[in-house]
C-alpha cells in the first residue's frame, strides 16, 4: 500500500476533529472503517500516528511530522486545482443555497461580475447538507444562514466569509390582522397565534424561534411546515398562520412584513467556498455579487431600509 491524498485527508481530519468518531462524521464514513484505514496508514508510516485516550486522540511525534507534510501537500493540491479551474476560459460556477431572498437577484449580479461563465445554481433545504456537499466537491460555493448563536459546521478545505453579520428577523402576517397597522410588533403580543415553522431545521432557526418566544413568555403553537413560498403566503394572507420572515422579503398580496420590537431574533448570512474549486479572486467576485444582490432587496421593506441605513457597520464591503 502507498499513501494517497485520501489517506492524508484522513490524517488531517482526525487531528482537527480530535477523535475518530468526529472525524468519521466529517469524512462521511463509519468509525470502524476509519479506524481500519488509520491502522493501514500507520503500518505504512512505521508507527502510531495518534495516542488514544478516553477523551480523544492526539498526534504522536511521528503523527506531527506526517500531519505537517499532509497539510502542506493538501494545501498545494488545493492551490493547483483552484488555479486550473480559474485558468479555464469559462469555468462553470456551481452554487448551492438555502432559500435566501437574495437568490432572486443573484443571477443577474453574477452575470455582471462573471460575464460569460456558466452558472449552475441549486436550492437545498438544509444548511448541513449544503456544507457536506460543498466538502464533497458537488458545489464550488454555498450561501446559507445561521440564526442566533448557531454555527453550521464546515468541512476541511473550506473557507467561509460573513456577508451580513446581523439581520433582524421580521414577522409576516395577514394585512387584516389587528396588529398589521403597527410599525413594530411586540413578540409577546403574538402568544395566541398559530405559527408556521421554518422549513429549514438545521440552521438554528427553530430553536432560536422557540427560545425567543419563551423569553417573551409563551410557547409558540406550531402547526404548519410548508416549503413552497406561494403556499406559505396564501396561508398567511388567509389569516390562518403567521411566520418569521427575512426583512428583505418581497411584498406578497394580502400580507405585511413588520419588525419585531427589540430584535429578539437575528440571523447572519455567510458564503463558504471550496478552496480546491475557487480561487480567491473568483470567491471575491462571488461575494461582491451576493452582496449587491442583497442590497438590491433592502428597499423591499421601508422599516428595514430605515433600520439598515443607521447601521453601516453591518453593510458588506464590496470594494
Protein backbone atom coordinates (compact mmCIF):
# COMPACT_ATOMS: atom_id res chain seq x y z
CA UNK A 1 0.00 0.00 0.00
CA UNK A 2 1.16 3.53 -0.81
CA UNK A 3 -0.07 6.69 0.85
CA UNK A 4 -2.57 8.63 -1.27
CA UNK A 5 -4.25 12.00 -0.89
CA UNK A 6 -7.29 10.40 0.73
CA UNK A 7 -5.03 8.96 3.43
CA UNK A 8 -3.53 12.38 4.11
CA UNK A 9 -7.05 13.84 4.27
CA UNK A 10 -8.00 11.21 6.85
CA UNK A 11 -4.96 12.03 9.00
CA UNK A 12 -5.74 15.73 8.86
CA UNK A 13 -9.42 15.15 9.67
CA UNK A 14 -8.57 13.01 12.71
CA UNK A 15 -6.11 15.60 14.04
CA UNK A 16 -8.52 18.51 13.56
CA UNK A 17 -11.55 16.67 14.97
CA UNK A 18 -9.65 15.32 17.99
CA UNK A 19 -11.44 11.98 17.86
CA UNK A 20 -12.07 9.18 15.40
CA UNK A 21 -15.82 9.50 15.86
CA UNK A 22 -16.00 13.17 14.95
CA UNK A 23 -13.54 12.70 12.08
CA UNK A 24 -15.67 9.86 10.70
CA UNK A 25 -18.71 12.15 10.68
CA UNK A 26 -16.76 14.84 8.81
CA UNK A 27 -15.50 12.35 6.25
CA UNK A 28 -18.87 10.65 5.81
CA UNK A 29 -17.61 7.17 6.78
CA UNK A 30 -18.22 4.82 9.70
CA UNK A 31 -15.90 4.93 12.70
CA UNK A 32 -14.82 1.27 12.29
CA UNK A 33 -13.93 1.93 8.65
CA UNK A 34 -11.86 4.96 9.61
CA UNK A 35 -10.13 3.03 12.41
CA UNK A 36 -9.19 0.28 9.96
CA UNK A 37 -7.90 2.84 7.47
CA UNK A 38 -5.80 4.53 10.17
CA UNK A 39 -4.21 1.19 11.11
CA UNK A 40 -3.20 0.65 7.47
CA UNK A 41 -1.77 4.17 7.27
CA UNK A 42 0.20 3.61 10.47
CA UNK A 43 1.68 0.39 9.09
CA UNK A 44 2.96 2.28 6.06
CA UNK A 45 4.21 5.19 8.21
CA UNK A 46 6.05 2.81 10.52
CA UNK A 47 4.38 3.62 13.84
CA UNK A 48 1.41 5.07 15.66
CA UNK A 49 0.30 8.50 14.44
CA UNK A 50 -2.11 9.17 17.30
CA UNK A 51 -2.12 8.44 21.01
CA UNK A 52 -5.56 7.26 22.08
CA UNK A 53 -7.26 8.15 25.35
CA UNK A 54 -10.79 8.22 26.77
CA UNK A 55 -11.20 11.86 25.74
CA UNK A 56 -9.94 11.54 22.18
CA UNK A 57 -6.69 11.35 20.23
CA UNK A 58 -3.54 13.47 19.99
CA UNK A 59 -0.77 13.24 17.39
CA UNK A 60 2.41 11.42 18.41
CA UNK A 61 5.77 12.92 17.35
CA UNK A 62 5.58 10.76 14.20
CA UNK A 63 2.00 11.88 13.73
CA UNK A 64 3.00 15.55 13.97
CA UNK A 65 5.55 15.01 11.21
CA UNK A 66 3.08 13.21 8.93
CA UNK A 67 0.42 15.82 9.70
CA UNK A 68 2.71 18.72 8.77
CA UNK A 69 3.54 17.09 5.44
CA UNK A 70 -0.12 16.22 4.84
CA UNK A 71 -1.22 19.81 5.38
CA UNK A 72 1.44 21.12 3.03
CA UNK A 73 0.66 18.61 0.28
CA UNK A 74 -3.11 19.06 0.56
CA UNK A 75 -2.71 22.85 0.54
CA UNK A 76 -0.65 22.66 -2.63
CA UNK A 77 -3.26 20.40 -4.25
CA UNK A 78 -5.99 22.89 -3.31
CA UNK A 79 -3.99 25.67 -4.95
CA UNK A 80 -3.34 23.55 -8.05
CA UNK A 81 -6.99 22.64 -8.52
CA UNK A 82 -8.20 26.19 -7.91
CA UNK A 83 -5.58 27.54 -10.31
CA UNK A 84 -6.51 25.19 -13.14
CA UNK A 85 -10.22 25.97 -12.75
CA UNK A 86 -9.50 29.69 -12.65
CA UNK A 87 -7.36 29.45 -15.79
CA UNK A 88 -10.11 27.74 -17.79
CA UNK A 89 -11.73 30.09 -20.36
CA UNK A 90 -15.24 29.79 -18.93
CA UNK A 91 -15.26 27.57 -15.83
CA UNK A 92 -18.73 26.67 -14.62
CA UNK A 93 -19.64 28.03 -11.20
CA UNK A 94 -21.63 25.58 -9.08
CA UNK A 95 -23.52 27.31 -6.26
CA UNK A 96 -25.77 25.86 -3.60
CA UNK A 97 -28.05 27.93 -1.40
CA UNK A 98 -30.81 27.70 1.16
CA UNK A 99 -33.92 29.73 0.21
CA UNK A 100 -32.50 33.20 0.88
CA UNK A 101 -34.22 36.24 -0.60
CA UNK A 102 -31.00 37.46 -2.25
CA UNK A 103 -31.17 34.49 -4.64
CA UNK A 104 -33.90 36.36 -6.53
CA UNK A 105 -31.31 38.89 -7.70
CA UNK A 106 -28.12 36.83 -7.57
CA UNK A 107 -28.13 35.50 -11.12
CA UNK A 108 -28.25 38.99 -12.62
CA UNK A 109 -25.43 40.19 -10.37
CA UNK A 110 -23.32 37.11 -11.15
CA UNK A 111 -23.72 37.75 -14.86
CA UNK A 112 -22.30 41.23 -14.30
CA UNK A 113 -19.39 40.10 -12.11
CA UNK A 114 -18.56 36.92 -14.06
CA UNK A 115 -19.69 37.55 -17.65
CA UNK A 116 -19.63 34.53 -19.91
CA UNK A 117 -19.40 31.99 -17.09
CA UNK A 118 -21.76 29.04 -16.97
CA UNK A 119 -23.85 29.12 -13.77
CA UNK A 120 -25.21 26.03 -12.05
CA UNK A 121 -27.38 27.02 -9.07
CA UNK A 122 -29.33 24.66 -6.83
CA UNK A 123 -31.53 25.21 -3.77
CA UNK A 124 -31.23 22.91 -0.75
CA UNK A 125 -33.44 22.93 2.34
CA UNK A 126 -30.64 22.01 4.74
CA UNK A 127 -27.57 24.09 5.57
CA UNK A 128 -25.79 20.97 6.79
CA UNK A 129 -26.49 19.22 3.50
CA UNK A 130 -25.14 22.24 1.65
CA UNK A 131 -21.84 22.27 3.51
CA UNK A 132 -21.44 18.50 3.28
CA UNK A 133 -21.93 18.62 -0.50
CA UNK A 134 -19.52 21.55 -0.65
CA UNK A 135 -16.87 19.49 1.10
CA UNK A 136 -17.58 16.56 -1.22
CA UNK A 137 -16.95 18.72 -4.27
CA UNK A 138 -20.53 18.88 -5.59
CA UNK A 139 -20.63 22.65 -5.10
CA UNK A 140 -17.92 25.25 -5.53
CA UNK A 141 -19.59 27.64 -3.08
CA UNK A 142 -22.67 27.84 -0.89
CA UNK A 143 -24.74 30.61 0.68
CA UNK A 144 -26.52 29.88 3.94
CA UNK A 145 -27.89 31.45 7.11
CA UNK A 146 -27.18 30.95 10.79
CA UNK A 147 -29.84 32.00 13.30
CA UNK A 148 -28.95 33.33 16.75
CA UNK A 149 -25.72 31.72 18.02
CA UNK A 150 -25.92 28.61 15.87
CA UNK A 151 -22.83 27.75 13.80
CA UNK A 152 -23.07 25.41 10.83
CA UNK A 153 -20.08 23.01 10.87
CA UNK A 154 -17.77 23.34 7.88
CA UNK A 155 -15.72 20.54 6.30
CA UNK A 156 -11.99 20.65 5.70
CA UNK A 157 -10.74 22.58 2.72
CA UNK A 158 -13.48 25.20 3.02
CA UNK A 159 -13.18 28.93 3.68
CA UNK A 160 -16.16 30.97 4.92
CA UNK A 161 -16.79 34.70 4.93
CA UNK A 162 -19.68 36.52 6.56
CA UNK A 163 -21.76 38.52 4.10
CA UNK A 164 -24.30 40.03 6.50
CA UNK A 165 -23.25 39.77 10.17
CA UNK A 166 -26.64 40.66 11.62
CA UNK A 167 -30.10 40.75 10.12
CA UNK A 168 -33.19 41.10 12.34
CA UNK A 169 -35.93 38.56 11.81
CA UNK A 170 -39.29 40.17 10.96
CA UNK A 171 -42.81 38.76 11.16
CA UNK A 172 -45.20 38.19 8.23
CA UNK A 173 -48.94 38.26 8.96
CA UNK A 174 -52.20 38.93 7.20
CA UNK A 175 -52.90 42.55 6.26
CA UNK A 176 -56.22 42.16 8.07
CA UNK A 177 -54.55 41.11 11.32
CA UNK A 178 -55.27 43.52 14.23
CA UNK A 179 -51.52 44.16 14.61
CA UNK A 180 -50.87 44.77 10.92
CA UNK A 181 -51.28 48.53 11.31
CA UNK A 182 -48.45 48.79 13.85
CA UNK A 183 -44.98 49.89 12.78
CA UNK A 184 -43.41 47.23 15.02
CA UNK A 185 -44.85 44.32 16.97
CA UNK A 186 -44.02 43.04 20.42
CA UNK A 187 -43.33 39.33 20.25
CA UNK A 188 -45.36 38.78 23.44
CA UNK A 189 -48.47 40.07 21.63
CA UNK A 190 -48.29 37.04 19.28
CA UNK A 191 -48.68 34.48 22.07
CA UNK A 192 -52.04 33.18 20.89
CA UNK A 193 -51.14 32.84 17.22
CA UNK A 194 -50.71 29.74 15.09
CA UNK A 195 -47.19 29.70 13.70
CA UNK A 196 -45.70 28.34 10.55
CA UNK A 197 -42.45 26.64 11.44
CA UNK A 198 -39.35 27.04 9.31
CA UNK A 199 -38.76 24.53 6.54
CA UNK A 200 -35.03 24.55 7.29
CA UNK A 201 -34.41 22.84 10.62
CA UNK A 202 -30.62 22.78 10.99
CA UNK A 203 -29.64 26.45 10.84
CA UNK A 204 -30.66 27.17 14.43
CA UNK A 205 -33.90 28.78 13.30
CA UNK A 206 -36.50 26.57 15.03
CA UNK A 207 -34.54 26.54 18.29
CA UNK A 208 -33.94 30.29 18.11
CA UNK A 209 -37.60 30.94 17.42
CA UNK A 210 -38.78 28.85 20.37
CA UNK A 211 -36.17 30.40 22.69
CA UNK A 212 -37.22 33.93 21.68
CA UNK A 213 -40.87 33.12 22.30
CA UNK A 214 -40.08 31.56 25.68
CA UNK A 215 -38.23 34.72 26.68
CA UNK A 216 -41.36 36.65 25.67
CA UNK A 217 -43.41 34.47 28.00
CA UNK A 218 -45.07 31.86 25.80
CA UNK A 219 -44.52 28.67 23.84
CA UNK A 220 -45.34 29.08 20.13
CA UNK A 221 -48.11 26.90 18.72
CA UNK A 222 -46.51 25.33 15.65
CA UNK A 223 -48.85 23.78 13.12
CA UNK A 224 -47.71 24.26 9.52
CA UNK A 225 -44.43 23.29 7.88
CA UNK A 226 -44.52 24.28 4.21
CA UNK A 227 -41.56 24.80 1.91
CA UNK A 228 -43.38 26.38 -1.03
CA UNK A 229 -43.21 30.18 -0.74
CA UNK A 230 -46.50 30.95 -2.51
CA UNK A 231 -48.42 28.41 -0.45
CA UNK A 232 -46.99 29.95 2.72
CA UNK A 233 -48.03 33.44 1.68
CA UNK A 234 -51.54 32.29 0.75
CA UNK A 235 -51.95 30.62 4.14
CA UNK A 236 -50.78 33.75 5.94
CA UNK A 237 -52.99 36.02 3.83
CA UNK A 238 -55.99 33.92 4.82
CA UNK A 239 -55.23 34.65 8.47
CA UNK A 240 -54.63 31.02 9.43
CA UNK A 241 -50.97 31.45 10.41
CA UNK A 242 -48.10 33.85 10.89
CA UNK A 243 -44.42 33.26 10.22
CA UNK A 244 -40.97 34.66 10.72
CA UNK A 245 -39.55 36.38 7.67
CA UNK A 246 -36.38 37.84 6.28
CA UNK A 247 -36.79 41.63 6.34
CA UNK A 248 -35.80 41.83 2.66
CA UNK A 249 -38.67 39.55 1.59
CA UNK A 250 -40.71 40.98 -1.29
CA UNK A 251 -44.31 42.09 -0.76
CA UNK A 252 -46.98 39.41 -1.12
CA UNK A 253 -50.63 40.13 -1.72
CA UNK A 254 -52.73 40.03 1.43
CA UNK A 255 -49.76 40.09 3.82
CA UNK A 256 -47.49 42.60 5.55
CA UNK A 257 -43.98 42.20 6.97
CA UNK A 258 -43.31 44.05 10.22
CA UNK A 259 -40.28 44.31 12.55
CA UNK A 260 -40.32 42.77 16.00
CA UNK A 261 -39.64 45.26 18.79
CA UNK A 262 -36.14 44.93 20.21
CA UNK A 263 -34.93 42.50 17.51
CA UNK A 264 -35.40 39.37 19.67
CA UNK A 265 -34.09 37.09 16.92
CA UNK A 266 -31.34 37.74 14.38
CA UNK A 267 -29.66 35.88 11.57
CA UNK A 268 -26.36 36.17 9.73
CA UNK A 269 -25.69 35.24 6.10
CA UNK A 270 -22.46 33.53 5.12
CA UNK A 271 -20.66 32.50 1.97
CA UNK A 272 -18.42 29.42 2.03
CA UNK A 273 -16.32 28.07 -0.81
CA UNK A 274 -14.17 25.07 -1.55
CA UNK A 275 -10.57 26.24 -1.87
CA UNK A 276 -9.82 23.47 -4.35
CA UNK A 277 -12.56 24.76 -6.67
CA UNK A 278 -12.48 28.56 -6.38
CA UNK A 279 -9.57 30.95 -6.48
CA UNK A 280 -9.54 33.87 -4.05
CA UNK A 281 -10.34 36.18 -6.97
CA UNK A 282 -13.45 34.29 -8.09
CA UNK A 283 -14.58 33.89 -4.49
CA UNK A 284 -14.24 37.65 -4.10
CA UNK A 285 -16.35 38.26 -7.20
CA UNK A 286 -18.99 35.87 -5.92
CA UNK A 287 -19.01 37.66 -2.57
CA UNK A 288 -19.47 41.00 -4.31
CA UNK A 289 -22.29 39.65 -6.49
CA UNK A 290 -24.07 38.23 -3.42
CA UNK A 291 -23.60 41.50 -1.52
CA UNK A 292 -25.03 43.54 -4.38
CA UNK A 293 -27.94 41.11 -4.72
CA UNK A 294 -28.68 41.54 -1.01
CA UNK A 295 -28.57 45.34 -1.30
CA UNK A 296 -30.99 45.18 -4.23
CA UNK A 297 -33.63 43.77 -1.87
CA UNK A 298 -33.17 46.15 1.06
CA UNK A 299 -35.78 48.62 -0.34
CA UNK A 300 -38.41 45.85 -0.30
CA UNK A 301 -39.33 46.90 3.24
CA UNK A 302 -39.35 50.54 4.36
CA UNK A 303 -38.97 49.61 8.02
CA UNK A 304 -35.89 47.54 7.31
CA UNK A 305 -34.46 50.15 4.95
CA UNK A 306 -34.56 52.67 7.80
CA UNK A 307 -33.00 50.14 10.24
CA UNK A 308 -30.28 49.28 7.72
CA UNK A 309 -29.39 52.89 6.96
CA UNK A 310 -28.41 53.53 10.60
CA UNK A 311 -26.06 50.51 10.79
CA UNK A 312 -23.30 50.96 8.20
CA UNK A 313 -21.03 48.62 10.16
CA UNK A 314 -23.24 45.72 9.02
CA UNK A 315 -23.01 46.55 5.32
CA UNK A 316 -20.98 44.19 3.11
CA UNK A 317 -17.63 45.57 1.95
CA UNK A 318 -17.81 45.32 -1.83
CA UNK A 319 -14.67 47.12 -2.97
